[in-house]
Every structure is written in C-alpha cells, then in structure tokens.
Protein backbone atom coordinates (compact mmCIF):
# COMPACT_ATOMS: atom_id res chain seq x y z
CA MET A 1 105.76 46.22 81.51
CA ALA A 2 103.33 43.70 83.09
CA ILE A 3 102.73 42.05 79.72
CA TYR A 4 106.49 41.81 79.07
CA GLN A 5 107.08 40.20 82.49
CA ASP A 6 104.27 37.65 81.95
CA LEU A 7 105.67 36.76 78.50
CA VAL A 8 109.12 36.08 79.96
CA ASP A 9 107.87 34.06 82.94
CA ARG A 10 105.13 32.03 81.27
CA HIS A 11 106.23 31.70 77.68
CA GLY A 12 110.03 32.09 77.79
CA PHE A 13 110.00 35.24 75.69
CA THR A 14 113.55 36.23 74.69
CA GLY A 15 112.84 39.51 72.96
CA ALA A 16 113.44 43.00 74.32
CA TYR A 17 110.97 45.12 76.25
CA ASN A 18 110.87 47.76 73.51
CA SER A 19 109.65 45.11 71.04
CA VAL A 20 106.62 44.48 73.26
CA LYS A 21 106.11 48.22 73.70
CA ARG A 22 106.07 48.88 69.94
CA PHE A 23 103.68 45.96 69.33
CA VAL A 24 101.20 47.07 72.00
CA GLY A 25 101.40 50.63 70.68
CA LYS A 26 100.02 49.47 67.32
CA LEU A 27 97.07 47.79 69.02
CA ARG A 28 95.95 51.03 70.68
CA HIS A 29 93.29 52.91 68.79
CA ARG A 30 92.20 56.43 69.74
CA GLU A 31 89.21 58.12 68.30
CA PRO A 32 90.13 61.61 67.09
CA GLU A 33 88.47 64.51 68.91
CA GLN A 34 85.36 65.61 67.08
CA PHE A 35 84.80 69.26 66.19
CA ASP A 36 81.71 70.66 64.55
CA ARG A 37 82.56 73.40 62.08
CA LEU A 38 80.17 76.27 62.74
CA ALA A 39 78.86 78.44 59.95
CA PHE A 40 78.12 82.15 60.52
CA LEU A 41 76.27 84.78 58.57
CA PRO A 42 78.11 87.83 57.24
CA GLY A 43 78.45 90.49 59.92
CA GLU A 44 77.20 88.17 62.67
CA GLU A 45 80.19 87.48 64.91
CA MET A 46 83.58 88.93 65.79
CA GLN A 47 86.14 87.21 68.04
CA VAL A 48 88.68 89.13 70.12
CA ASP A 49 91.66 88.16 72.25
CA TYR A 50 95.09 89.22 73.47
CA GLY A 51 98.45 87.69 72.56
CA GLU A 52 102.11 88.75 72.63
CA GLY A 53 103.64 91.06 70.07
CA ALA A 54 107.23 91.25 68.87
CA LEU A 55 110.09 92.62 70.94
CA THR A 56 109.89 96.41 71.12
CA ARG A 57 112.22 98.94 72.70
CA VAL A 58 110.83 100.43 75.89
CA PRO A 59 110.61 104.24 75.43
CA GLY A 60 113.59 106.06 76.92
CA THR A 61 115.56 102.91 77.76
CA ASP A 62 117.71 100.25 76.13
CA ARG A 63 115.45 97.40 77.28
CA TRP A 64 113.28 95.29 74.98
CA ARG A 65 109.86 93.99 75.90
CA LYS A 66 106.94 92.29 74.21
CA PRO A 67 103.77 94.39 74.18
CA ARG A 68 100.23 93.02 74.19
CA LEU A 69 98.87 92.08 70.78
CA PHE A 70 95.14 92.71 70.31
CA VAL A 71 93.49 90.80 67.46
CA ALA A 72 89.85 91.11 66.34
CA THR A 73 88.68 88.67 63.66
CA LEU A 74 85.40 88.65 61.75
CA ARG A 75 84.17 85.08 61.84
CA TYR A 76 82.65 84.96 58.34
CA SER A 77 85.48 86.47 56.29
CA ARG A 78 88.41 85.91 58.73
CA ARG A 79 89.49 89.50 58.14
CA SER A 80 91.43 90.73 61.19
CA TYR A 81 92.46 93.92 62.89
CA ARG A 82 95.76 93.85 64.80
CA CYS A 83 97.19 96.40 67.21
CA VAL A 84 99.83 96.33 69.97
CA VAL A 85 99.68 98.29 73.23
CA TRP A 86 101.98 98.49 76.24
CA ARG A 87 99.30 98.24 78.89
CA SER A 88 95.70 97.15 78.97
CA SER A 89 92.83 98.57 81.00
CA GLN A 90 89.07 98.67 80.88
CA GLN A 91 89.10 101.77 78.71
CA THR A 92 91.93 100.50 76.48
CA TRP A 93 90.10 97.21 75.90
CA ALA A 94 86.93 99.05 74.88
CA LYS A 95 88.80 101.52 72.66
CA LEU A 96 90.49 98.68 70.78
CA HIS A 97 87.05 97.33 69.88
CA GLU A 98 86.08 100.75 68.56
CA GLN A 99 89.24 100.95 66.47
CA ALA A 100 88.54 97.49 65.02
CA TRP A 101 84.98 98.46 63.99
CA ARG A 102 86.20 101.67 62.40
CA HIS A 103 88.80 99.62 60.54
CA PHE A 104 86.10 97.25 59.26
CA GLY A 105 83.65 100.06 58.54
CA GLY A 106 80.91 98.69 60.83
CA SER A 107 80.18 96.58 63.87
CA CYS A 108 79.00 92.97 64.17
CA ARG A 109 75.94 91.60 65.97
CA TYR A 110 77.85 90.03 68.86
CA VAL A 111 81.42 89.59 69.99
CA VAL A 112 83.04 86.48 71.50
CA LEU A 113 85.74 87.19 74.07
CA ASP A 114 87.77 85.49 76.73
CA ASN A 115 86.97 85.91 80.43
CA LEU A 116 89.64 88.51 81.10
CA LYS A 117 88.98 91.18 83.74
CA GLU A 118 88.90 94.05 81.24
CA GLY A 119 85.69 92.60 79.83
CA VAL A 120 84.17 90.12 82.30
CA LEU A 121 84.16 90.72 86.04
CA LYS A 122 82.46 87.46 87.03
CA PRO A 123 82.43 84.55 84.55
CA ASP A 124 79.18 82.64 84.34
CA LEU A 125 77.76 80.40 81.65
CA TYR A 126 74.30 81.95 81.79
CA GLU A 127 74.66 85.44 83.33
CA PRO A 128 78.24 86.72 83.10
CA GLN A 129 78.86 90.06 84.82
CA LEU A 130 80.48 92.45 82.35
CA ASN A 131 82.65 95.40 83.16
CA ALA A 132 80.55 98.60 83.34
CA VAL A 133 82.66 100.54 80.81
CA TYR A 134 82.79 97.60 78.40
CA ALA A 135 79.05 96.96 78.71
CA ALA A 136 78.26 100.63 78.06
CA MET A 137 80.50 100.62 74.96
CA LEU A 138 78.77 97.53 73.56
CA THR A 139 75.37 99.09 74.19
CA HIS A 140 76.48 102.25 72.42
CA TYR A 141 77.34 100.24 69.28
CA GLY A 142 74.41 97.81 69.54
CA VAL A 143 76.61 94.75 70.10
CA VAL A 144 76.01 91.82 72.45
CA ALA A 145 78.85 90.14 74.35
CA ASP A 146 79.12 86.34 74.32
CA PRO A 147 81.95 85.32 76.70
CA ALA A 148 83.38 81.88 76.02
CA ARG A 149 83.33 79.15 78.61
CA VAL A 150 86.20 79.09 81.07
CA ARG A 151 89.13 77.05 79.68
CA ASP A 152 87.36 76.56 76.35
CA PRO A 153 89.49 78.38 73.73
CA ASN A 154 87.99 76.38 70.86
CA ARG A 155 84.88 78.57 70.98
CA LYS A 156 87.00 81.39 69.59
CA GLY A 157 89.28 79.32 67.42
CA SER A 158 89.37 81.85 64.58
CA VAL A 159 91.03 84.57 66.64
CA GLU A 160 93.31 82.03 68.35
CA HIS A 161 94.50 80.92 64.92
CA ALA A 162 94.89 84.55 63.82
CA ILE A 163 97.13 85.29 66.80
CA GLY A 164 99.31 82.27 66.09
CA HIS A 165 99.46 83.14 62.39
CA THR A 166 100.54 86.70 63.23
CA GLN A 167 103.24 85.60 65.67
CA ALA A 168 104.65 82.84 63.41
CA THR A 169 104.56 84.79 60.13
CA ALA A 170 104.42 88.55 60.53
CA LEU A 171 106.35 89.05 63.79
CA LYS A 172 108.69 86.04 63.77
CA GLY A 173 112.27 87.15 64.58
CA ARG A 174 111.47 90.87 64.27
CA ARG A 175 112.25 93.79 66.56
CA PHE A 176 110.77 97.27 66.50
CA GLU A 177 111.99 100.55 67.88
CA SER A 178 108.51 101.72 68.92
CA ILE A 179 104.90 100.68 69.26
CA GLU A 180 103.94 102.94 66.36
CA GLU A 181 106.47 101.24 64.08
CA GLN A 182 105.07 97.80 64.93
CA ASN A 183 101.46 98.91 64.38
CA THR A 184 102.37 100.41 61.00
CA PHE A 185 104.01 97.15 59.97
CA LEU A 186 101.00 95.09 61.11
CA GLU A 187 98.65 97.29 59.09
CA HIS A 188 100.83 96.87 56.00
CA TRP A 189 101.13 93.10 56.52
CA GLU A 190 97.38 92.68 56.97
CA ALA A 191 96.53 94.61 53.81
CA LYS A 192 99.19 93.06 51.56
CA TRP A 193 99.56 89.49 52.78
CA ALA A 194 96.92 88.37 55.30
CA ALA A 195 93.90 89.77 53.43
CA SER A 196 95.04 88.47 50.05
CA ARG A 197 95.70 84.89 51.21
CA ILE A 198 93.46 81.93 50.38
CA HIS A 199 91.88 80.66 53.59
CA GLY A 200 92.59 76.98 54.20
CA SER A 201 89.12 75.77 55.20
CA ALA A 202 86.99 78.19 53.17
CA ARG A 203 89.19 77.82 50.04
CA ARG A 204 88.49 81.46 49.21
CA GLN A 205 90.39 84.72 49.39
CA VAL A 206 89.90 86.58 52.68
CA GLN A 207 89.54 89.97 51.00
CA ALA A 208 86.83 88.66 48.66
CA MET A 209 84.84 87.27 51.59
CA PHE A 210 85.29 90.56 53.48
CA GLU A 211 83.85 92.51 50.54
CA GLU A 212 80.78 90.31 50.77
CA GLU A 213 80.56 90.82 54.54
CA GLY A 214 81.04 94.60 54.55
CA PRO A 215 77.46 95.58 53.57
CA HIS A 216 76.06 93.35 56.33
CA LEU A 217 77.96 95.10 59.15
CA GLN A 218 75.97 97.41 61.42
CA PRO A 219 76.44 101.13 60.71
CA LEU A 220 78.55 103.01 63.24
CA PRO A 221 77.01 105.81 65.35
CA LEU A 222 77.97 109.38 64.52
CA LEU A 223 79.63 109.92 67.90
CA GLY A 224 82.05 107.53 69.53
CA MET A 225 81.76 106.17 73.02
CA GLN A 226 82.07 108.71 75.86
CA TYR A 227 84.20 106.96 78.45
CA PHE A 228 83.79 107.36 82.18
CA THR A 229 85.10 106.23 85.52
CA GLU A 230 82.72 104.72 88.04
CA ALA A 231 82.67 104.91 91.84
CA GLN A 232 80.28 104.63 94.75
CA ARG A 233 79.52 107.63 96.95
CA THR A 234 77.48 108.30 100.08
CA VAL A 235 74.93 111.12 100.04
CA CYS A 236 76.02 113.60 102.72
CA ASP A 237 73.62 115.37 105.09
CA ASP A 238 73.52 118.36 102.72
CA SER A 239 71.92 116.05 100.05
CA CYS A 240 75.07 116.18 97.90
CA VAL A 241 77.80 113.77 96.86
CA ARG A 242 81.50 114.70 96.75
CA VAL A 243 83.32 114.13 93.46
CA ASP A 244 86.82 115.56 92.83
CA HIS A 245 86.49 118.05 95.74
CA SER A 246 83.17 119.41 94.41
CA SER A 247 79.59 118.87 95.57
CA TYR A 248 76.71 117.74 93.34
CA ALA A 249 73.01 117.49 94.22
CA ALA A 250 71.90 113.87 94.58
CA ARG A 251 68.15 114.14 95.19
CA PRO A 252 65.90 112.11 95.04
CA ALA A 253 68.51 109.80 96.65
CA PRO A 254 67.95 109.94 100.44
CA ILE A 255 70.62 111.27 102.80
CA GLY A 256 73.01 108.53 103.93
CA SER A 257 72.30 106.20 100.99
CA ARG A 258 74.91 104.84 98.59
CA VAL A 259 74.73 105.88 94.93
CA LEU A 260 76.70 105.09 91.78
CA VAL A 261 78.56 108.04 90.25
CA ARG A 262 79.83 108.03 86.66
CA VAL A 263 82.39 110.73 85.90
CA PHE A 264 82.57 111.67 82.23
CA GLU A 265 84.82 114.26 80.65
CA HIS A 266 82.22 117.05 80.79
CA ARG A 267 79.38 115.71 82.95
CA ILE A 268 78.51 113.77 86.09
CA GLU A 269 75.81 111.09 86.27
CA ILE A 270 74.31 109.94 89.58
CA ARG A 271 72.58 106.56 89.40
CA GLU A 272 70.74 104.25 91.76
CA LEU A 273 73.17 101.63 93.07
CA GLN A 274 71.11 98.49 92.54
CA THR A 275 69.12 99.21 89.37
CA GLN A 276 71.58 101.80 87.94
CA ALA A 277 68.61 104.02 87.07
CA LEU A 278 69.64 107.58 86.25
CA LEU A 279 68.82 110.02 89.09
CA ARG A 280 70.62 113.26 88.23
CA THR A 281 72.94 114.67 85.58
CA HIS A 282 75.19 117.68 86.19
CA PRO A 283 77.82 119.50 84.14
CA ARG A 284 81.24 118.70 85.53
CA ALA A 285 82.71 121.51 87.63
CA GLU A 286 85.93 123.01 86.35
CA ARG A 287 87.15 124.38 89.71
CA PRO A 288 87.54 122.33 92.91
CA GLY A 289 85.19 123.39 95.67
CA THR A 290 82.28 124.18 93.34
CA VAL A 291 78.78 123.44 94.67
CA VAL A 292 76.26 122.35 92.02
CA LEU A 293 73.07 122.59 94.08
CA PRO A 294 69.93 124.62 93.26
CA ALA A 295 68.92 127.17 95.90
CA ASP A 296 65.54 125.54 96.51
CA GLU A 297 67.25 122.23 97.41
CA ARG A 298 69.54 123.62 100.09
CA VAL A 299 68.95 122.30 103.61
CA PHE A 300 69.05 124.95 106.38
CA ASN A 301 67.87 123.05 109.45
CA PRO A 302 70.89 122.19 111.63
CA SER A 303 71.93 118.58 111.96
CA ARG A 304 73.95 116.90 114.69
CA GLU A 305 77.08 117.60 112.70
CA THR A 306 76.11 121.28 112.47
CA ARG A 307 75.63 121.54 116.23
CA ARG A 308 79.00 119.84 116.81
CA ILE A 309 80.77 122.35 114.54
CA LEU A 310 79.08 125.36 116.14
CA ALA A 311 80.02 124.07 119.61
CA GLN A 312 83.68 123.85 118.61
CA ALA A 313 83.50 127.33 117.06
CA LYS A 314 82.06 128.72 120.30
CA ALA A 315 84.98 127.21 122.22
CA ILE A 316 87.42 129.12 119.99
CA GLY A 317 85.83 132.53 120.55
CA ALA A 318 82.76 134.70 120.21
CA ASP A 319 83.72 136.10 116.79
CA THR A 320 84.40 132.62 115.42
CA SER A 321 81.02 131.43 116.68
CA ARG A 322 79.24 134.39 115.13
CA LEU A 323 80.97 133.96 111.76
CA CYS A 324 80.13 130.25 111.60
CA GLU A 325 76.48 130.93 112.44
CA LEU A 326 76.27 133.54 109.68
CA LEU A 327 77.88 131.16 107.17
CA PHE A 328 75.41 128.41 108.01
CA ALA A 329 72.47 130.84 107.75
CA ILE A 330 73.64 131.89 104.27
CA GLU A 331 74.67 128.56 102.73
CA GLY A 332 72.94 125.89 104.82
CA ARG A 333 74.36 122.44 105.34
CA VAL A 334 76.34 122.58 102.11
CA GLY A 335 78.52 125.26 103.77
CA GLN A 336 79.56 122.96 106.60
CA ARG A 337 82.83 122.19 104.83
CA LYS A 338 83.80 125.85 105.23
CA LEU A 339 82.83 125.68 108.90
CA TRP A 340 85.02 122.63 109.38
CA GLY A 341 87.88 124.48 107.71
CA ILE A 342 87.56 127.47 110.04
CA VAL A 343 87.29 125.28 113.15
CA ASN A 344 90.27 123.14 112.13
CA LEU A 345 92.47 126.23 111.91
CA ALA A 346 92.60 126.14 115.72
CA GLU A 347 94.54 122.86 115.50
CA ARG A 348 97.43 124.57 113.72
CA TYR A 349 97.32 128.15 115.04
CA PRO A 350 96.57 129.77 118.43
CA ARG A 351 92.86 130.14 119.08
CA ARG A 352 93.06 133.84 119.90
CA LEU A 353 94.61 134.51 116.48
CA VAL A 354 91.89 132.49 114.74
CA ASN A 355 89.25 134.42 116.65
CA SER A 356 90.93 137.72 115.70
CA ALA A 357 90.95 136.65 112.03
CA CYS A 358 87.21 135.90 112.24
CA ALA A 359 86.67 139.33 113.74
CA ARG A 360 88.48 140.87 110.75
CA ALA A 361 86.35 138.85 108.35
CA LEU A 362 83.18 140.09 110.05
CA ALA A 363 84.44 143.66 109.87
CA ASP A 364 85.30 143.29 106.17
CA GLY A 365 81.99 141.59 105.40
CA ILE A 366 83.75 138.65 103.69
CA TYR A 367 82.37 135.37 105.01
CA SER A 368 84.88 132.95 103.53
CA TYR A 369 87.14 130.22 104.87
CA ARG A 370 89.98 131.31 102.59
CA HIS A 371 89.73 134.88 103.86
CA VAL A 372 89.86 133.69 107.48
CA LYS A 373 92.81 131.42 106.73
CA ALA A 374 94.75 134.22 105.01
CA ALA A 375 94.03 136.59 107.91
CA THR A 376 95.14 133.98 110.44
CA GLU A 377 98.40 133.33 108.60
CA LYS A 378 99.01 137.08 108.42
CA LEU A 379 98.48 137.48 112.18
CA VAL A 380 100.81 134.56 112.88
CA ALA A 381 103.48 136.11 110.63
CA GLU A 382 103.14 139.46 112.45
CA ALA A 383 103.45 137.76 115.84
CA LEU A 384 106.59 135.89 114.78
CA ALA A 385 108.09 139.09 113.36
CA ALA A 386 107.44 140.86 116.68
CA ILE A 387 109.21 138.05 118.55
CA ASP A 388 112.19 138.26 116.20
CA ASN A 389 112.40 142.05 116.69
CA ALA A 390 112.36 141.60 120.46
CA ASP A 391 115.21 139.10 120.27
CA ALA A 392 117.23 141.50 118.11
CA THR A 393 117.21 144.37 120.79
CA PRO A 394 120.80 144.89 122.13
CA VAL A 395 121.37 144.01 125.85
CA GLN A 396 123.58 145.87 128.35
CA GLY A 397 127.25 144.98 127.91
CA GLU A 398 129.29 143.32 130.66
CA LEU A 399 131.06 145.56 133.22
CA ALA A 400 134.84 145.85 133.02
CA LEU A 401 136.89 144.21 135.80
CA THR A 402 137.88 146.63 138.56
CA GLN A 403 141.52 146.41 139.65
CA GLU A 404 141.59 149.06 142.44
CA HIS A 405 139.03 149.51 145.20
CA PRO A 406 139.11 150.31 148.96
CA LEU A 407 137.87 146.82 149.74
CA ILE A 408 140.58 145.16 147.66
CA ARG A 409 143.88 144.61 149.57
CA SER A 410 147.23 144.76 147.92
CA GLY A 411 149.04 141.70 146.72
CA ASP A 412 151.75 142.07 149.44
CA ASP A 413 149.18 141.36 152.16
CA TYR A 414 148.20 138.09 150.47
CA ALA A 415 151.88 137.17 149.98
CA GLU A 416 152.60 137.73 153.70
CA LEU A 417 149.66 135.48 154.58
CA PHE A 418 150.89 132.67 152.33
CA ALA A 419 154.44 133.00 153.76
CA ARG A 420 153.23 132.67 157.34
CA SER A 421 151.17 129.64 156.47
CA ALA A 422 154.18 127.99 154.85
CA ALA A 423 156.41 128.72 157.91
CA HIS A 424 153.95 126.99 160.26
CA PRO A 425 152.71 123.83 158.50
CA THR A 426 151.05 122.52 161.72
CA ALA A 427 148.82 125.55 161.91
CA HIS A 428 145.99 123.65 160.18
CA ALA A 429 146.09 120.78 162.73
CA THR A 430 146.69 122.83 165.96
CA PRO A 431 145.90 126.44 165.52
CA ASN A 432 148.41 128.90 167.12
CA PRO A 433 146.65 131.59 169.12
CA THR A 434 149.00 134.26 167.78
CA THR A 435 148.66 133.14 164.23
CA HIS A 436 144.92 132.71 164.64
CA ALA A 437 144.69 136.20 165.98
CA THR A 438 146.77 137.59 163.15
CA THR A 439 144.69 135.71 160.59
CA THR A 440 141.50 136.89 162.17
CA GLU A 441 142.78 140.42 162.14
CA PHE A 442 143.83 140.06 158.46
CA LYS A 443 140.40 138.78 157.52
CA ALA A 444 138.79 141.62 159.33
C-alpha cells in the first residue's frame, strides 16, 4: 500500500492497487523449508499416535460419535497397525502397543510417541518422565521410548501421514454400528489395500518391505505384560500398609514412612518411594480384612494409639476394657483396627449394651469385632422389642358418666335459679339480701 501511494504521488501512477500488489508478489522469493529424509534400519523404530476414527454408534443409544484411532507405523517398511477405542487410559495405551507388536510378530528397538499423558507425565528434551505403567511395559518388551519434542510433529511424520491416509481413504464418509465392526474393516483395509500399495517416497511395495523387516524385529516374550495400579501408602505403626481393606507387611520400610505400592492382579509389590527398589512382595488377599504379616514381625509393645484405644474402652466398661486388652495381647498392633471397631460401637449404641456384648464375647471365648457387633445389635433389637411390648399393654378404660348421685341436684333447682336471676337483672350490680341469702343457701 505504501509503494502504491508513493507511485501515485511522485510518479502520477494511474493503475490500480491490485496491479501493484500482483507485481510485488512476483518479486517475493521464499526459500522452501528444508527437511532431511532420515533412513532407518529394519526393526529399528516404530511411531505411534492417536487420531479420530469414523462415526460410530454409541452402544445402547442412537447417538453417533468418533472414537479414538490408534495407529502404529514401522518406520522402515511403513506397515501400520490401526485400532479404534472409545476411551484411552494408561493401561489402554500400553495394551495397544502390545497388540501392534503381536500384529507385526515382534517389537522394535525404540518407539517415537507424542507427549500425551498416557505415555509422558513430564515432557523434557533430555530426561522425559514416563508413565509408570507405560515404562514398565516398554521394559518388559525391551523397547526404549523416544518422545518427540513439544510441538514438533515432523519427528513422527510417518505415523502422522498414516493417520491422514486412513481418515481420507479408508474411513472417509463411512459410519459403523460398533467399534468391532470398524476394527474389522480397518484390518481388512490394511491387508488388502494399504499393505499392497507402492509407497510414494520409497517406490516399493509396503508388504515387500515389511517381509524384509520382519526377521529383524525383536522376539516377543512368552508372557505378556502384567498390568498394575500404583499408589503411595504410609506404613502404619503395626509395620503394615493398607491396600483394599487388607494389611501387608512393609518391613524393612520404617514406621511412618511413605512407600510405593503396585497392585497386580494376583500380587502386591511394595517399593521404596524414591529409588523404586523392591522391598516386599505378597500374594494379593482375596478377602477384605486379611492380614499378611508373619508372626515374628508382629509388634506387641503398646503405642500411643494403643493407649488411647484402651482408655476409651475402659470408659465404656470393664468387660470392654478386658476384651480389648486380650485382643491386643493376642494380635499386637495389627489388631488395633478391631479395637477401634469395638470402641466405635459406643458412638451408635448405648455403652451398657456394648459392654454387655463384650461380656458375652468373653463368656463365649470368641474375641472378634464381628461377634461383638452382632451381639450388640441383638441386644439393641431385644431392648426395642421390650419397649414395643410395653407400649402394646392395654390401659384402663375411661369411666362412664354418672347421671344420678346424692351430690347432683335436679334440673328443676337449676331452672329456678336461672328464673330468679332473670327476674332481677340488677342483682349483679346491687345484690339483694334476700336473693343473696337464697343463692347462698342454694349453693350450700
């Protein structure tokens, strides 16, 4: 615009502004962005990413929604694995990698991924922090993660192109009734069309390059990845950690320290929080309330918490105090949860009934919180039934009205009184001695 204005003012230019704009546009010269084409060895790298699948009916509804499209592409042969899922999670992300490697018949040396939370917790160019489940899965298969730089999708251009190719060719304008139907179609499309195509830059068939790459993939382990959930726990004063309402021995972790607990399907791992070194392994308890603690590791010296519980039990009653002391002498600190349960019964039921239930437990020789609770509820039910029976006892009926009695005058006497009062209306203001006498006599 400045050039056009100077041409008009200084040189008397009579042309249009767009003529100047088109002319200047031809003078501009932009250097194209340079890209170095990287070459990879067979079985060296795999690239993974998420995209959007085709519209799919949501189960049990009439709504349509696009699921997440997972694509894994081998960098050497460009052979891909495609799968759609409704939701993603740490475990789903890791399982999709496993499915891709089973589909290829082996795993690669390293995998390039985006910085999504399912894989990378804290992006960093030099030391990215991986998700614990994802990192354990990669270690299980002997694969190294290589997260791309933030906002640098060109590092994984092969899988980006594979996602676009899938959306523009295989899924364009299609709808599916279920996730399974879409995955079946993607498998068919990959085998018949995508694998048999001639790749544009390599000028070779994808399937032929994949057959060369197959022998160079790493062999898969006999067993798949055992997935787990991870949480931090504090070692209680009984030297145990609580997981799913059960107690597990945590020694050599000191009491009061924080540890890392990994919960597998059939076992529990207790690890050091900072170094993640394995401290203890236990079989996972099947019933809530189970205590996995060897007898020689039980702690029997009372702590401050123990003394606080026993003091509250003594306030409830002598039998409650005795039962709690016996329970602690038998089980040690690990039995304090039962003591808390017995003491807390006094918050819901009368103390005398709780004490009576403890007396029954001592007489039966069953030192159990559940037994005391059942006995307390039974005593409460009996007390309520007794109150209901007392309310149901019939009361004495009302006496009939008496019409004749020596103290009751006849109606004629009352009529005579009302007649006299009507005949002397001033009797209320100035009492007549005769009338007053008669009235007094009548009252008497």
